[in-house]
C-alpha atoms as a PDB file:
ATOM      1  CA  MET A   1      89.743  94.710  93.659  1.00  0.00           C
ATOM      2  CA  GLU A   2      92.955  95.086  91.674  1.00  0.00           C
ATOM      3  CA  THR A   3      94.992  98.200  92.357  1.00  0.00           C
ATOM      4  CA  ASN A   4      97.468  99.949  90.132  1.00  0.00           C
ATOM      5  CA  LEU A   5      98.091 103.245  91.896  1.00  0.00           C
ATOM      6  CA  ALA A   6      99.144 106.442  90.235  1.00  0.00           C
ATOM      7  CA  TYR A   7     101.452 108.729  92.195  1.00  0.00           C
ATOM      8  CA  CYS A   8      98.460 110.930  93.134  1.00  0.00           C
ATOM      9  CA  GLY A   9      96.422 108.039  94.543  1.00  0.00           C
ATOM     10  CA  ILE A  10      94.134 107.380  91.576  1.00  0.00           C
ATOM     11  CA  ASN A  11      93.589 103.659  91.078  1.00  0.00           C
ATOM     12  CA  CYS A  12      94.529 103.189  87.426  1.00  0.00           C
ATOM     13  CA  ALA A  13      93.044  99.670  87.543  1.00  0.00           C
ATOM     14  CA  VAL A  14      89.537 101.154  87.465  1.00  0.00           C
ATOM     15  CA  CYS A  15      90.272 103.907  84.909  1.00  0.00           C
ATOM     16  CA  PRO A  16      88.270 103.497  81.690  1.00  0.00           C
ATOM     17  CA  ALA A  17      91.373 104.167  79.552  1.00  0.00           C
ATOM     18  CA  TYR A  18      93.360 101.492  81.394  1.00  0.00           C
ATOM     19  CA  LEU A  19      90.496  98.998  81.196  1.00  0.00           C
ATOM     20  CA  ALA A  20      89.982  99.621  77.469  1.00  0.00           C
ATOM     21  CA  THR A  21      93.738  99.286  76.891  1.00  0.00           C
ATOM     22  CA  ILE A  22      94.139  95.965  78.651  1.00  0.00           C
ATOM     23  CA  SER A  23      91.008  94.567  76.990  1.00  0.00           C
ATOM     24  CA  GLY A  24      92.050  95.857  73.555  1.00  0.00           C
ATOM     25  CA  ASN A  25      88.749  97.718  73.116  1.00  0.00           C
ATOM     26  CA  ARG A  26      89.603 100.228  70.357  1.00  0.00           C
ATOM     27  CA  GLU A  27      86.021 101.475  70.148  1.00  0.00           C
ATOM     28  CA  ALA A  28      86.031 102.422  73.835  1.00  0.00           C
ATOM     29  CA  LEU A  29      89.459 104.060  73.440  1.00  0.00           C
ATOM     30  CA  ALA A  30      88.221 106.164  70.516  1.00  0.00           C
ATOM     31  CA  LYS A  31      85.152 107.230  72.485  1.00  0.00           C
ATOM     32  CA  LEU A  32      87.272 108.203  75.503  1.00  0.00           C
ATOM     33  CA  ALA A  33      89.689 110.134  73.298  1.00  0.00           C
ATOM     34  CA  LYS A  34      86.778 112.230  72.017  1.00  0.00           C
ATOM     35  CA  GLU A  35      85.335 112.729  75.517  1.00  0.00           C
ATOM     36  CA  TRP A  36      88.639 113.527  77.210  1.00  0.00           C
ATOM     37  CA  GLY A  37      90.420 115.254  74.306  1.00  0.00           C
ATOM     38  CA  GLY A  38      89.528 118.764  75.438  1.00  0.00           C
ATOM     39  CA  ASP A  39      92.194 121.234  74.384  1.00  0.00           C
ATOM     40  CA  TYR A  40      94.594 118.606  73.067  1.00  0.00           C
ATOM     41  CA  PRO A  41      95.271 118.598  69.323  1.00  0.00           C
ATOM     42  CA  PRO A  42      93.160 116.034  67.432  1.00  0.00           C
ATOM     43  CA  ALA A  43      96.340 114.294  66.288  1.00  0.00           C
ATOM     44  CA  ILE A  44      97.132 113.505  69.943  1.00  0.00           C
ATOM     45  CA  ALA A  45      93.633 112.837  71.293  1.00  0.00           C
ATOM     46  CA  THR A  46      93.204 109.545  69.469  1.00  0.00           C
ATOM     47  CA  ALA A  47      92.442 105.952  70.404  1.00  0.00           C
ATOM     48  CA  ASP A  48      96.183 105.234  70.255  1.00  0.00           C
ATOM     49  CA  GLY A  49      96.987 108.366  72.245  1.00  0.00           C
ATOM     50  CA  ILE A  50      94.679 107.446  75.105  1.00  0.00           C
ATOM     51  CA  ARG A  51      95.971 103.884  75.583  1.00  0.00           C
ATOM     52  CA  CYS A  52      97.395 103.577  79.073  1.00  0.00           C
ATOM     53  CA  SER A  53      99.108 100.849  81.074  1.00  0.00           C
ATOM     54  CA  GLY A  54      98.946 102.910  84.255  1.00  0.00           C
ATOM     55  CA  CYS A  55     100.916 105.837  85.592  1.00  0.00           C
ATOM     56  CA  GLN A  56     103.640 103.695  87.146  1.00  0.00           C
ATOM     57  CA  HIS A  57     103.582 100.731  84.767  1.00  0.00           C
ATOM     58  CA  GLU A  58     107.125  99.401  84.691  1.00  0.00           C
ATOM     59  CA  SER A  59     107.299  98.740  80.975  1.00  0.00           C
ATOM     60  CA  GLY A  60     105.947 102.182  80.139  1.00  0.00           C
ATOM     61  CA  GLU A  61     104.323 100.500  77.167  1.00  0.00           C
ATOM     62  CA  TYR A  62     101.416 102.940  76.985  1.00  0.00           C
ATOM     63  CA  LEU A  63     100.830 106.239  78.721  1.00  0.00           C
ATOM     64  CA  CYS A  64      97.723 108.292  78.011  1.00  0.00           C
ATOM     65  CA  PHE A  65      98.332 111.640  76.300  1.00  0.00           C
ATOM     66  CA  PHE A  66      97.351 113.666  79.361  1.00  0.00           C
ATOM     67  CA  CYS A  67      99.172 111.406  81.812  1.00  0.00           C
ATOM     68  CA  SER A  68     102.434 111.738  79.920  1.00  0.00           C
ATOM     69  CA  ASP A  69     102.660 115.441  80.766  1.00  0.00           C
ATOM     70  CA  CYS A  70     101.114 115.224  84.245  1.00  0.00           C
ATOM     71  CA  ALA A  71     102.829 117.651  86.648  1.00  0.00           C
ATOM     72  CA  ILE A  72     102.126 115.339  89.599  1.00  0.00           C
ATOM     73  CA  ARG A  73     103.665 112.325  87.874  1.00  0.00           C
ATOM     74  CA  ASN A  74     106.673 114.316  86.674  1.00  0.00           C
ATOM     75  CA  CYS A  75     107.255 115.751  90.166  1.00  0.00           C
ATOM     76  CA  ALA A  76     107.080 112.323  91.841  1.00  0.00           C
ATOM     77  CA  ILE A  77     109.476 110.836  89.301  1.00  0.00           C
ATOM     78  CA  GLU A  78     111.891 113.753  89.751  1.00  0.00           C
ATOM     79  CA  ARG A  79     111.770 113.311  93.528  1.00  0.00           C
ATOM     80  CA  LYS A  80     112.086 109.516  93.164  1.00  0.00           C
ATOM     81  CA  LEU A  81     108.899 108.917  95.160  1.00  0.00           C
ATOM     82  CA  GLU A  82     106.790 105.774  95.021  1.00  0.00           C
ATOM     83  CA  SER A  83     103.746 107.922  95.768  1.00  0.00           C
ATOM     84  CA  CYS A  84     102.855 111.471  96.722  1.00  0.00           C
ATOM     85  CA  ALA A  85     102.084 110.005 100.153  1.00  0.00           C
ATOM     86  CA  TYR A  86     105.841 109.987 100.777  1.00  0.00           C
ATOM     87  CA  CYS A  87     106.351 113.649  99.842  1.00  0.00           C
ATOM     88  CA  ASP A  88     107.358 116.076 102.594  1.00  0.00           C
ATOM     89  CA  ASP A  89     105.712 118.897 100.622  1.00  0.00           C
ATOM     90  CA  LEU A  90     102.314 117.241 100.141  1.00  0.00           C
ATOM     91  CA  ASP A  91     100.341 119.549 102.446  1.00  0.00           C
ATOM     92  CA  GLY A  92      99.256 122.509 100.344  1.00  0.00           C
ATOM     93  CA  CYS A  93     100.704 121.074  97.125  1.00  0.00           C
ATOM     94  CA  GLU A  94      99.383 123.141  94.239  1.00  0.00           C
ATOM     95  CA  LYS A  95      99.970 120.308  91.768  1.00  0.00           C
ATOM     96  CA  ILE A  96      97.834 117.695  93.507  1.00  0.00           C
ATOM     97  CA  GLU A  97      94.929 119.759  94.857  1.00  0.00           C
ATOM     98  CA  PRO A  98      93.139 120.097  91.459  1.00  0.00           C
ATOM     99  CA  CYS A  99      93.407 116.337  90.954  1.00  0.00           C
ATOM    100  CA  TRP A 100      91.853 115.661  94.326  1.00  0.00           C
ATOM    101  CA  LYS A 101      88.939 117.994  93.600  1.00  0.00           C
ATOM    102  CA  THR A 102      87.939 115.772  90.675  1.00  0.00           C
ATOM    103  CA  SER A 103      89.105 112.488  92.266  1.00  0.00           C
ATOM    104  CA  PRO A 104      88.354 112.584  96.004  1.00  0.00           C
ATOM    105  CA  ASP A 105      89.011 108.842  96.290  1.00  0.00           C
ATOM    106  CA  ALA A 106      92.613 109.509  95.273  1.00  0.00           C
ATOM    107  CA  LYS A 107      92.988 111.865  98.229  1.00  0.00           C
ATOM    108  CA  LYS A 108      91.550 109.225 100.567  1.00  0.00           C
ATOM    109  CA  THR A 109      94.041 106.696  99.218  1.00  0.00           C
ATOM    110  CA  ILE A 110      97.005 109.010  99.807  1.00  0.00           C
ATOM    111  CA  GLU A 111      95.736 109.888 103.289  1.00  0.00           C
ATOM    112  CA  ALA A 112      95.410 106.183 104.115  1.00  0.00           C
ATOM    113  CA  LEU A 113      98.940 105.521 102.873  1.00  0.00           C
ATOM    114  CA  ARG A 114     100.266 108.380 104.983  1.00  0.00           C
ATOM    115  CA  ALA A 115      98.382 107.135 108.052  1.00  0.00           C
ATOM    116  CA  SER A 116      99.841 103.647 107.601  1.00  0.00           C
ATOM    117  CA  MET A 117     103.354 105.148 107.662  1.00  0.00           C
ATOM    118  CA  ALA A 118     102.831 106.918 110.991  1.00  0.00           C
END
């Protein structure tokens, strides 16, 4: 399986927004924008706004509207970390805990990365 890890441990390569972006599926992007739009203004929660190349994509070509203001991503970039696994303040991090409640596989990925560094 392809991996394209976000700082938090989510595998962007299996994210529906990433998959729809790389396949050019505008219909799927529009559907996801409606499903995931939540409290975002309708002008932002669009098919174009949800296109994503992955959290750490080097070109930065596309970044989903909610990923662009992600506190976890912004923190990791500020600290110049490849992943939250390398953060000395990870235990008890208030930024990452909500993410891991909805994406337990991300937590397992970060834990595995940390274990491999020991």
